[in-house]
Amino acid sequence: MVKNKKSHYHADMLSVEDAREKILSQFNQLEEVNLKIENSLGCIISKDIISKFSVPPWNNSAMDGYALIYQDVMEATEENIIFLKVIEEIAAGEMPKKKISRGFASRIMTGAPIPEGADAVIPFEDTDELTSDSSELIGIKVFAEEFENIRKKGEDISKGETIITRGTEITPAVVGVIASMGFDTVNVFRRPKIGILSTGNELLEPGQDLEDGKIYNSNSHTISSLTKIYGADPEIQSHSRDTVEDLEKKLNNFEHVDMIVTSAGVSKGDYDVVKDVLNKNGDMNFWSVNMRPAKPLAFGKININGRKIPLLGLPGNPVSSMIAFEKFGRYAIDKMMGKQIVHRPIIKAILQEDIHNHDGRRLYARVIVEKSKSESQIIATPLKNQSSGVLTSMFLSNGLAICPSGTDILKNGQEIDVEMFGWNEEISKIINED
């Protein structure tokens, strides 16, 4: 690791952490809403959920078999079959009608309530049901422990118990637990509405015919997809041309959103129209952040029909736009949704090629993290092209190697920090096995 003598040139830049703190200070947790459980995935519980009854509500069978008194079959074996009289059949969803006493059994299905008196269930396969000609007697071939194959009342949830606490993120399992308690709605903090707008005369919308000098608007769609992943509801406007009239018109359509995200028009070399419109209609800051990609950033509040709405202005290059939104926009969404602020996991890996840092900013280099061929190390291989315009690098990589500010080079063979954004079961397995 070689320190950069030119690092002092970046003293006027905001650190990533300072920029994030300034942005987050302008957001609050949103209000509570009541949602159908099927629409609540990813939201945050706003009120403790207390069970109205026990789950299961009664002792029930964990197997298809015969409910009986375990003491009746304590001596049962393949050679010493014990016969019991069958008094009824209990299907799932039905209540038993008869009590079990010594010498008797009831045929029972999985999930059906255990009849009074019974304290064990013997599975069908441990009886002579398939070979017996009698419908009144059942031969038991194995002994049973007390409460064997019985799911006890309240073993999952007890009546009056707080099952899910405020602040819990709703996962599929949480949805299932809520449903198991009979609730079809849940109180959560509202999802933020995010207005998304790209700017630039050079843009075309996907689906239009390609023209000379034009490029397709990818930023709106990548940022929209990221907002969905993070739990918000995006609303995309078709791109704005670099005119005051068009930009103001498009922005005015966002009066109902909780945050506006624009891309392009915030760099020193960009057309001034974007900065002019934002400054004219709001209290905006245009920052240089000590990071690469994504140095230029704008943030402030814009006045739209009497509402002051936070606006995050991202760089126009697609990789810069995505990384900036990950570093700043994601955190704003988390705060509005009531989520605990959690950073991406950072792991140690052995670098496979040099990473050069040409200007001393904190560099986030796209890398592929995997096990070495010998499976003895976790390695990180940088992608060949680290240009902020090469969007394919964001799906070909699964992590960002962090080159600290003021460092000229990370060397091949060096242990480095990698921030994982392509986290999945495979990567988790790699890390946990190391």
Protein backbone atom coordinates (compact mmCIF):
# COMPACT_ATOMS: atom_id res chain seq x y z
CA MET A 1 0.00 0.00 0.00
CA VAL A 2 1.55 3.28 -1.14
CA LYS A 3 0.41 6.61 0.25
CA ASN A 4 -0.42 9.38 -2.20
CA LYS A 5 1.49 12.64 -1.67
CA LYS A 6 -1.31 14.52 -3.42
CA SER A 7 -4.02 13.54 -0.92
CA HIS A 8 -4.09 17.05 0.54
CA TYR A 9 -5.62 18.29 -2.72
CA HIS A 10 -8.88 16.66 -1.63
CA ALA A 11 -9.16 18.49 1.67
CA ASP A 12 -12.12 20.51 0.37
CA MET A 13 -14.11 17.37 -0.42
CA LEU A 14 -16.68 15.80 1.88
CA SER A 15 -15.99 12.30 3.09
CA VAL A 16 -18.55 9.64 2.22
CA GLU A 17 -19.54 9.46 5.87
CA ASP A 18 -19.95 13.23 6.29
CA ALA A 19 -22.05 13.49 3.12
CA ARG A 20 -24.25 10.62 4.30
CA GLU A 21 -24.71 12.20 7.74
CA LYS A 22 -25.74 15.53 6.20
CA ILE A 23 -28.25 13.78 3.96
CA LEU A 24 -29.74 11.56 6.66
CA SER A 25 -30.24 14.55 8.98
CA GLN A 26 -32.95 15.77 6.59
CA PHE A 27 -35.08 12.61 6.75
CA ASN A 28 -37.50 11.25 9.33
CA GLN A 29 -39.32 7.99 9.79
CA LEU A 30 -42.59 8.03 7.85
CA GLU A 31 -46.06 7.60 9.34
CA GLU A 32 -47.77 4.31 10.12
CA VAL A 33 -50.13 2.59 7.68
CA ASN A 34 -52.13 -0.62 7.81
CA LEU A 35 -51.35 -3.02 4.95
CA LYS A 36 -52.67 -6.38 3.80
CA ILE A 37 -50.07 -8.92 4.81
CA GLU A 38 -49.45 -9.93 1.18
CA ASN A 39 -48.34 -6.35 0.48
CA SER A 40 -46.15 -5.93 3.57
CA LEU A 41 -42.97 -7.82 2.61
CA GLY A 42 -39.88 -5.74 3.43
CA CYS A 43 -41.76 -3.22 5.56
CA ILE A 44 -41.03 -2.54 9.24
CA ILE A 45 -43.52 -3.45 11.97
CA SER A 46 -44.72 -0.28 13.73
CA LYS A 47 -46.61 -1.92 16.65
CA ASP A 48 -45.94 -5.03 18.70
CA ILE A 49 -48.06 -7.98 17.57
CA ILE A 50 -49.66 -9.94 20.40
CA SER A 51 -51.21 -13.34 19.92
CA LYS A 52 -54.96 -13.65 20.53
CA PHE A 53 -54.67 -17.40 21.08
CA SER A 54 -52.17 -20.19 21.41
CA VAL A 55 -50.54 -21.81 18.36
CA PRO A 56 -51.31 -24.60 18.03
CA PRO A 57 -54.63 -23.98 19.79
CA TRP A 58 -54.81 -27.59 20.98
CA ASN A 59 -52.65 -30.70 21.14
CA ASN A 60 -52.55 -32.11 17.60
CA SER A 61 -51.04 -35.01 15.78
CA ALA A 62 -47.68 -34.63 14.05
CA MET A 63 -48.26 -37.82 12.06
CA ASP A 64 -50.92 -39.85 10.28
CA GLY A 65 -51.46 -42.72 12.69
CA TYR A 66 -53.29 -43.84 15.81
CA ALA A 67 -53.87 -41.79 18.96
CA LEU A 68 -53.62 -43.94 22.07
CA ILE A 69 -52.42 -44.18 25.66
CA TYR A 70 -48.68 -44.80 25.63
CA GLN A 71 -48.83 -47.15 28.62
CA ASP A 72 -50.91 -49.56 26.52
CA VAL A 73 -48.04 -50.15 24.11
CA MET A 74 -44.99 -50.04 26.38
CA GLU A 75 -44.26 -53.70 25.58
CA ALA A 76 -45.11 -53.56 21.85
CA THR A 77 -42.57 -54.97 19.36
CA GLU A 78 -42.62 -56.65 15.94
CA GLU A 79 -42.77 -59.98 17.78
CA ASN A 80 -45.21 -58.80 20.45
CA ILE A 81 -47.95 -56.91 18.59
CA ILE A 82 -50.46 -55.25 20.90
CA PHE A 83 -54.01 -54.91 19.58
CA LEU A 84 -56.26 -51.97 20.43
CA LYS A 85 -59.89 -51.34 19.53
CA VAL A 86 -60.44 -48.47 17.07
CA ILE A 87 -63.34 -46.24 18.16
CA GLU A 88 -63.31 -43.40 15.59
CA GLU A 89 -61.42 -41.67 12.79
CA ILE A 90 -60.39 -38.01 13.21
CA ALA A 91 -59.66 -36.00 10.06
CA ALA A 92 -57.72 -32.73 10.02
CA GLY A 93 -60.19 -29.90 10.64
CA GLU A 94 -62.51 -32.06 12.75
CA MET A 95 -62.83 -32.28 16.53
CA PRO A 96 -62.71 -35.72 18.19
CA LYS A 97 -66.02 -36.99 19.54
CA LYS A 98 -64.83 -39.82 21.76
CA LYS A 99 -62.47 -40.06 24.72
CA ILE A 100 -59.62 -42.58 24.67
CA SER A 101 -59.39 -45.01 27.53
CA ARG A 102 -57.11 -48.01 28.15
CA GLY A 103 -57.24 -50.56 25.34
CA PHE A 104 -58.68 -48.14 22.76
CA ALA A 105 -57.31 -45.96 19.93
CA SER A 106 -58.52 -43.47 17.34
CA ARG A 107 -57.31 -43.30 13.75
CA ILE A 108 -56.00 -39.73 13.29
CA MET A 109 -54.62 -37.52 10.51
CA THR A 110 -51.74 -35.03 10.73
CA GLY A 111 -52.88 -31.76 12.31
CA ALA A 112 -56.08 -33.20 13.78
CA PRO A 113 -56.75 -32.49 17.49
CA ILE A 114 -55.69 -35.22 19.92
CA PRO A 115 -58.71 -36.84 21.61
CA GLU A 116 -59.11 -36.55 25.35
CA GLY A 117 -57.18 -39.27 27.20
CA ALA A 118 -54.65 -39.96 24.43
CA ASP A 119 -51.00 -39.10 25.06
CA ALA A 120 -49.14 -40.57 22.07
CA VAL A 121 -49.51 -41.22 18.34
CA ILE A 122 -48.14 -44.28 16.55
CA PRO A 123 -47.57 -43.78 12.77
CA PHE A 124 -49.43 -46.01 10.30
CA GLU A 125 -46.19 -47.67 9.20
CA ASP A 126 -45.61 -49.00 12.73
CA THR A 127 -48.94 -50.82 12.77
CA ASP A 128 -50.47 -53.81 10.93
CA GLU A 129 -52.98 -51.58 9.10
CA LEU A 130 -51.86 -52.67 5.61
CA THR A 131 -51.97 -56.40 6.38
CA SER A 132 -54.93 -56.64 8.77
CA ASP A 133 -58.42 -57.69 7.69
CA SER A 134 -60.03 -56.09 10.75
CA SER A 135 -61.44 -52.56 10.72
CA GLU A 136 -62.12 -52.67 14.46
CA LEU A 137 -58.69 -53.69 15.78
CA ILE A 138 -55.27 -52.22 15.08
CA GLY A 139 -52.01 -54.00 15.86
CA ILE A 140 -49.25 -51.79 17.30
CA LYS A 141 -45.69 -52.97 16.56
CA VAL A 142 -43.60 -50.40 18.48
CA PHE A 143 -43.66 -48.79 21.90
CA ALA A 144 -44.21 -45.06 22.37
CA GLU A 145 -42.88 -42.38 24.68
CA GLU A 146 -45.35 -40.07 26.41
CA PHE A 147 -46.45 -37.28 24.00
CA GLU A 148 -44.54 -38.88 21.13
CA ASN A 149 -45.66 -37.43 17.76
CA ILE A 150 -47.89 -34.88 19.49
CA ARG A 151 -47.52 -31.15 18.94
CA LYS A 152 -48.53 -29.57 22.24
CA LYS A 153 -50.91 -26.66 22.61
CA GLY A 154 -48.99 -23.36 22.60
CA GLU A 155 -45.59 -24.94 21.87
CA ASP A 156 -45.10 -22.38 19.08
CA ILE A 157 -47.00 -19.36 20.44
CA SER A 158 -48.77 -18.78 23.77
CA LYS A 159 -51.92 -16.66 24.06
CA GLY A 160 -51.07 -13.08 25.09
CA GLU A 161 -47.43 -13.45 24.07
CA THR A 162 -45.71 -10.63 22.13
CA ILE A 163 -44.67 -12.50 19.04
CA ILE A 164 -43.28 -9.79 16.78
CA THR A 165 -41.90 -6.53 18.14
CA ARG A 166 -41.92 -3.03 16.69
CA GLY A 167 -38.94 -2.52 14.40
CA THR A 168 -38.96 -6.06 12.94
CA GLU A 169 -38.53 -6.28 9.19
CA ILE A 170 -41.21 -8.37 7.53
CA THR A 171 -39.79 -11.48 5.86
CA PRO A 172 -41.75 -14.39 4.35
CA ALA A 173 -41.49 -16.20 7.69
CA VAL A 174 -42.88 -13.15 9.53
CA VAL A 175 -45.78 -13.01 7.07
CA GLY A 176 -46.46 -16.67 7.83
CA VAL A 177 -46.43 -16.11 11.59
CA ILE A 178 -48.81 -13.14 11.28
CA ALA A 179 -51.14 -15.23 9.14
CA SER A 180 -50.97 -18.14 11.60
CA MET A 181 -52.37 -15.81 14.25
CA GLY A 182 -55.35 -14.92 12.07
CA PHE A 183 -54.29 -11.39 11.11
CA ASP A 184 -54.79 -10.38 7.49
CA THR A 185 -53.38 -6.86 7.94
CA VAL A 186 -50.39 -5.43 9.78
CA ASN A 187 -49.32 -1.98 11.00
CA VAL A 188 -46.07 -0.84 9.38
CA PHE A 189 -44.16 2.32 8.57
CA ARG A 190 -45.13 3.54 5.14
CA ARG A 191 -42.96 2.83 2.12
CA PRO A 192 -41.36 6.00 0.74
CA LYS A 193 -42.43 7.21 -2.68
CA ILE A 194 -39.35 8.02 -4.76
CA GLY A 195 -39.54 10.22 -7.86
CA ILE A 196 -36.86 9.36 -10.42
CA LEU A 197 -35.75 11.62 -13.27
CA SER A 198 -32.79 11.52 -15.63
CA THR A 199 -31.72 14.64 -17.50
CA GLY A 200 -29.94 15.15 -20.79
CA ASN A 201 -30.55 16.07 -24.43
CA GLU A 202 -28.66 12.95 -25.48
CA LEU A 203 -31.13 10.52 -23.91
CA LEU A 204 -33.68 8.20 -25.51
CA GLU A 205 -36.15 6.04 -23.64
CA PRO A 206 -35.86 2.25 -23.99
CA GLY A 207 -38.09 1.09 -26.85
CA GLN A 208 -37.37 4.10 -29.04
CA ASP A 209 -35.30 3.75 -32.21
CA LEU A 210 -31.62 4.49 -31.68
CA GLU A 211 -30.42 7.75 -33.23
CA ASP A 212 -26.95 9.07 -33.97
CA GLY A 213 -25.46 10.87 -30.98
CA LYS A 214 -28.06 9.43 -28.59
CA ILE A 215 -27.90 6.89 -25.75
CA TYR A 216 -30.63 5.07 -23.87
CA ASN A 217 -31.75 6.21 -20.45
CA SER A 218 -30.54 3.37 -18.22
CA ASN A 219 -30.12 5.36 -15.00
CA SER A 220 -33.83 5.79 -14.32
CA HIS A 221 -34.36 2.06 -14.58
CA THR A 222 -31.37 0.97 -12.50
CA ILE A 223 -32.24 3.47 -9.76
CA SER A 224 -35.91 2.46 -9.89
CA SER A 225 -34.90 -1.19 -9.50
CA LEU A 226 -32.65 -0.34 -6.55
CA THR A 227 -35.47 1.56 -4.81
CA LYS A 228 -37.70 -1.52 -5.16
CA ILE A 229 -35.01 -3.78 -3.71
CA TYR A 230 -34.66 -1.41 -0.76
CA GLY A 231 -38.42 -1.39 -0.14
CA ALA A 232 -39.58 1.92 -1.64
CA ASP A 233 -42.12 2.64 -4.37
CA PRO A 234 -40.47 4.29 -7.39
CA GLU A 235 -42.16 6.56 -9.90
CA ILE A 236 -40.25 7.22 -13.12
CA GLN A 237 -40.72 10.25 -15.34
CA SER A 238 -39.46 10.13 -18.92
CA HIS A 239 -36.16 11.98 -19.09
CA SER A 240 -35.99 15.75 -19.11
CA ARG A 241 -34.33 17.76 -21.83
CA ASP A 242 -31.77 20.34 -20.76
CA THR A 243 -34.20 23.22 -20.75
CA VAL A 244 -35.59 25.14 -17.80
CA GLU A 245 -39.17 24.63 -19.00
CA ASP A 246 -38.96 20.86 -19.44
CA LEU A 247 -37.05 20.23 -16.22
CA GLU A 248 -39.44 22.35 -14.12
CA LYS A 249 -42.44 20.66 -15.72
CA LYS A 250 -41.10 17.19 -14.93
CA LEU A 251 -40.15 18.11 -11.37
CA ASN A 252 -43.59 19.62 -10.71
CA ASN A 253 -45.13 16.18 -11.30
CA PHE A 254 -43.36 14.95 -8.17
CA GLU A 255 -45.23 17.02 -5.60
CA HIS A 256 -46.54 13.88 -3.83
CA VAL A 257 -43.25 11.97 -3.39
CA ASP A 258 -41.00 11.70 -0.32
CA MET A 259 -37.71 12.07 -2.19
CA ILE A 260 -36.67 12.99 -5.73
CA VAL A 261 -33.63 11.37 -7.32
CA THR A 262 -32.15 12.94 -10.44
CA SER A 263 -29.17 11.81 -12.47
CA ALA A 264 -26.74 13.99 -14.47
CA GLY A 265 -26.36 17.73 -14.43
CA VAL A 266 -24.45 18.02 -11.15
CA SER A 267 -20.84 17.98 -12.41
CA LYS A 268 -18.78 21.10 -13.05
CA GLY A 269 -18.76 20.42 -16.78
CA ASP A 270 -22.52 19.77 -17.07
CA TYR A 271 -25.00 22.21 -18.52
CA ASP A 272 -25.85 24.86 -15.95
CA VAL A 273 -29.58 24.49 -16.58
CA VAL A 274 -29.96 21.68 -14.03
CA LYS A 275 -28.13 23.60 -11.31
CA ASP A 276 -30.03 26.77 -12.24
CA VAL A 277 -33.42 25.09 -11.93
CA LEU A 278 -32.55 23.38 -8.65
CA ASN A 279 -31.13 26.57 -7.14
CA LYS A 280 -34.06 28.65 -8.38
CA ASN A 281 -36.65 26.32 -6.83
CA GLY A 282 -34.93 25.16 -3.69
CA ASP A 283 -32.09 25.23 -1.21
CA MET A 284 -29.49 23.02 -2.86
CA ASN A 285 -25.91 22.04 -2.09
CA PHE A 286 -23.51 20.84 -4.78
CA TRP A 287 -20.78 18.75 -3.26
CA SER A 288 -17.57 17.04 -4.26
CA VAL A 289 -17.35 13.78 -2.32
CA ASN A 290 -13.98 12.15 -1.71
CA MET A 291 -14.81 8.96 -3.59
CA ARG A 292 -14.45 7.39 -7.02
CA PRO A 293 -16.66 6.67 -8.85
CA ALA A 294 -19.34 9.25 -7.94
CA LYS A 295 -17.47 12.39 -6.95
CA PRO A 296 -20.18 14.98 -7.85
CA LEU A 297 -23.33 14.99 -5.73
CA ALA A 298 -26.18 17.41 -5.11
CA PHE A 299 -28.54 17.42 -2.17
CA GLY A 300 -31.10 19.79 -0.73
CA LYS A 301 -34.80 20.52 -0.68
CA ILE A 302 -36.80 21.71 -3.66
CA ASN A 303 -40.07 23.64 -3.39
CA ILE A 304 -42.83 22.02 -5.43
CA ASN A 305 -46.28 23.53 -5.08
CA GLY A 306 -45.61 24.53 -1.49
CA ARG A 307 -43.94 21.29 -0.42
CA LYS A 308 -40.23 21.14 0.36
CA ILE A 309 -39.09 17.77 -0.93
CA PRO A 310 -35.59 16.31 -0.44
CA LEU A 311 -33.75 15.95 -3.74
CA LEU A 312 -30.68 13.79 -4.30
CA GLY A 313 -28.77 14.63 -7.47
CA LEU A 314 -26.61 11.76 -8.73
CA PRO A 315 -23.85 11.79 -11.34
CA GLY A 316 -24.79 10.88 -14.90
CA ASN A 317 -22.33 8.04 -15.52
CA PRO A 318 -24.28 4.81 -14.87
CA VAL A 319 -21.80 3.15 -12.47
CA SER A 320 -21.35 6.41 -10.56
CA SER A 321 -25.11 6.79 -10.34
CA MET A 322 -25.62 3.30 -8.93
CA ILE A 323 -22.79 3.50 -6.40
CA ALA A 324 -23.84 6.98 -5.24
CA PHE A 325 -27.40 5.79 -4.73
CA GLU A 326 -26.12 2.78 -2.80
CA LYS A 327 -23.98 5.03 -0.58
CA PHE A 328 -26.60 7.73 0.05
CA GLY A 329 -30.08 7.00 -1.35
CA ARG A 330 -30.37 3.55 0.21
CA TYR A 331 -29.70 4.94 3.67
CA ALA A 332 -32.37 7.63 3.26
CA ILE A 333 -34.92 4.97 2.30
CA ASP A 334 -33.95 2.84 5.31
CA LYS A 335 -34.42 5.78 7.67
CA MET A 336 -37.82 6.70 6.23
CA MET A 337 -38.97 3.08 6.50
CA GLY A 338 -37.84 2.78 10.13
CA LYS A 339 -35.12 0.27 9.33
CA GLN A 340 -32.00 -0.08 11.41
CA ILE A 341 -29.11 1.49 9.53
CA VAL A 342 -26.93 -1.42 8.42
CA HIS A 343 -23.82 -1.16 6.25
CA ARG A 344 -22.92 -3.71 3.62
CA PRO A 345 -20.69 -6.51 4.97
CA ILE A 346 -16.95 -5.94 4.53
CA ILE A 347 -14.71 -9.00 4.23
CA LYS A 348 -11.00 -9.65 3.86
CA ALA A 349 -9.70 -11.01 0.56
CA ILE A 350 -6.35 -11.48 -1.20
CA LEU A 351 -6.01 -9.18 -4.19
CA GLN A 352 -5.10 -10.91 -7.49
CA GLU A 353 -3.98 -7.86 -9.50
CA ASP A 354 -2.73 -4.38 -8.67
CA ILE A 355 -5.37 -1.65 -8.27
CA HIS A 356 -4.05 1.81 -9.14
CA ASN A 357 -5.64 4.87 -7.54
CA HIS A 358 -4.73 7.79 -9.77
CA ASP A 359 -6.12 10.74 -7.83
CA GLY A 360 -6.02 9.75 -4.16
CA ARG A 361 -9.77 9.64 -3.56
CA ARG A 362 -11.33 6.66 -1.79
CA LEU A 363 -11.66 4.20 -4.65
CA TYR A 364 -14.38 1.57 -4.92
CA ALA A 365 -13.07 -0.92 -7.49
CA ARG A 366 -15.38 -3.58 -8.86
CA VAL A 367 -14.06 -7.08 -8.11
CA ILE A 368 -15.10 -10.71 -8.32
CA VAL A 369 -14.82 -12.46 -4.95
CA GLU A 370 -14.43 -16.24 -4.90
CA LYS A 371 -12.49 -19.12 -3.40
CA SER A 372 -9.00 -19.73 -4.72
CA LYS A 373 -8.48 -22.91 -6.77
CA SER A 374 -6.92 -24.55 -3.73
CA GLU A 375 -9.92 -23.32 -1.70
CA SER A 376 -7.47 -22.09 0.93
CA GLN A 377 -8.12 -18.37 0.42
CA ILE A 378 -10.79 -15.85 -0.43
CA ILE A 379 -9.54 -13.92 -3.44
CA ALA A 380 -10.65 -10.72 -5.19
CA THR A 381 -9.99 -10.17 -8.89
CA PRO A 382 -10.54 -6.64 -10.28
CA LEU A 383 -12.47 -6.31 -13.51
CA LYS A 384 -10.28 -5.11 -16.38
CA ASN A 385 -12.35 -2.02 -17.19
CA GLN A 386 -13.12 0.18 -14.18
CA SER A 387 -14.67 3.01 -16.21
CA SER A 388 -17.72 4.60 -14.60
CA GLY A 389 -19.50 4.26 -17.93
CA VAL A 390 -19.20 0.45 -18.10
CA LEU A 391 -22.47 -0.63 -16.56
CA THR A 392 -21.88 -4.34 -17.26
CA SER A 393 -19.17 -4.25 -14.58
CA MET A 394 -21.89 -3.91 -11.95
CA PHE A 395 -23.46 -7.27 -12.71
CA LEU A 396 -20.22 -9.08 -13.52
CA SER A 397 -18.78 -8.19 -10.09
CA ASN A 398 -20.04 -9.04 -6.60
CA GLY A 399 -18.05 -6.64 -4.46
CA LEU A 400 -16.21 -3.33 -4.23
CA ALA A 401 -12.54 -3.37 -3.23
CA ILE A 402 -11.88 -0.36 -1.01
CA CYS A 403 -8.74 1.61 -1.71
CA PRO A 404 -8.46 4.18 1.11
CA SER A 405 -8.15 7.88 0.41
CA GLY A 406 -4.54 8.92 -0.07
CA THR A 407 -3.39 5.48 -1.21
CA ASP A 408 -1.79 5.18 -4.68
CA ILE A 409 -1.92 1.43 -5.12
CA LEU A 410 -3.23 -1.82 -3.68
CA LYS A 411 -0.76 -4.53 -4.66
CA ASN A 412 -1.25 -8.03 -5.99
CA GLY A 413 -1.16 -10.49 -3.07
CA GLN A 414 -2.12 -7.89 -0.50
CA GLU A 415 -5.01 -8.50 1.92
CA ILE A 416 -7.70 -5.89 1.28
CA ASP A 417 -11.18 -4.92 2.42
CA VAL A 418 -14.04 -5.74 0.06
CA GLU A 419 -17.55 -4.41 0.51
CA MET A 420 -19.95 -7.09 -0.68
CA PHE A 421 -22.98 -6.01 -2.66
CA GLY A 422 -23.55 -9.26 -4.52
CA TRP A 423 -24.18 -11.20 -1.30
CA ASN A 424 -25.86 -14.57 -1.76
CA GLU A 425 -25.85 -18.10 -0.37
CA GLU A 426 -22.80 -19.05 -2.42
CA ILE A 427 -20.72 -16.14 -1.17
CA SER A 428 -21.95 -16.69 2.39
CA LYS A 429 -20.80 -20.29 2.16
CA ILE A 430 -17.41 -19.18 0.85
CA ILE A 431 -16.93 -16.75 3.72
CA ASN A 432 -18.18 -19.07 6.45
CA GLU A 433 -15.96 -21.91 5.31
CA ASP A 434 -12.83 -19.79 5.38
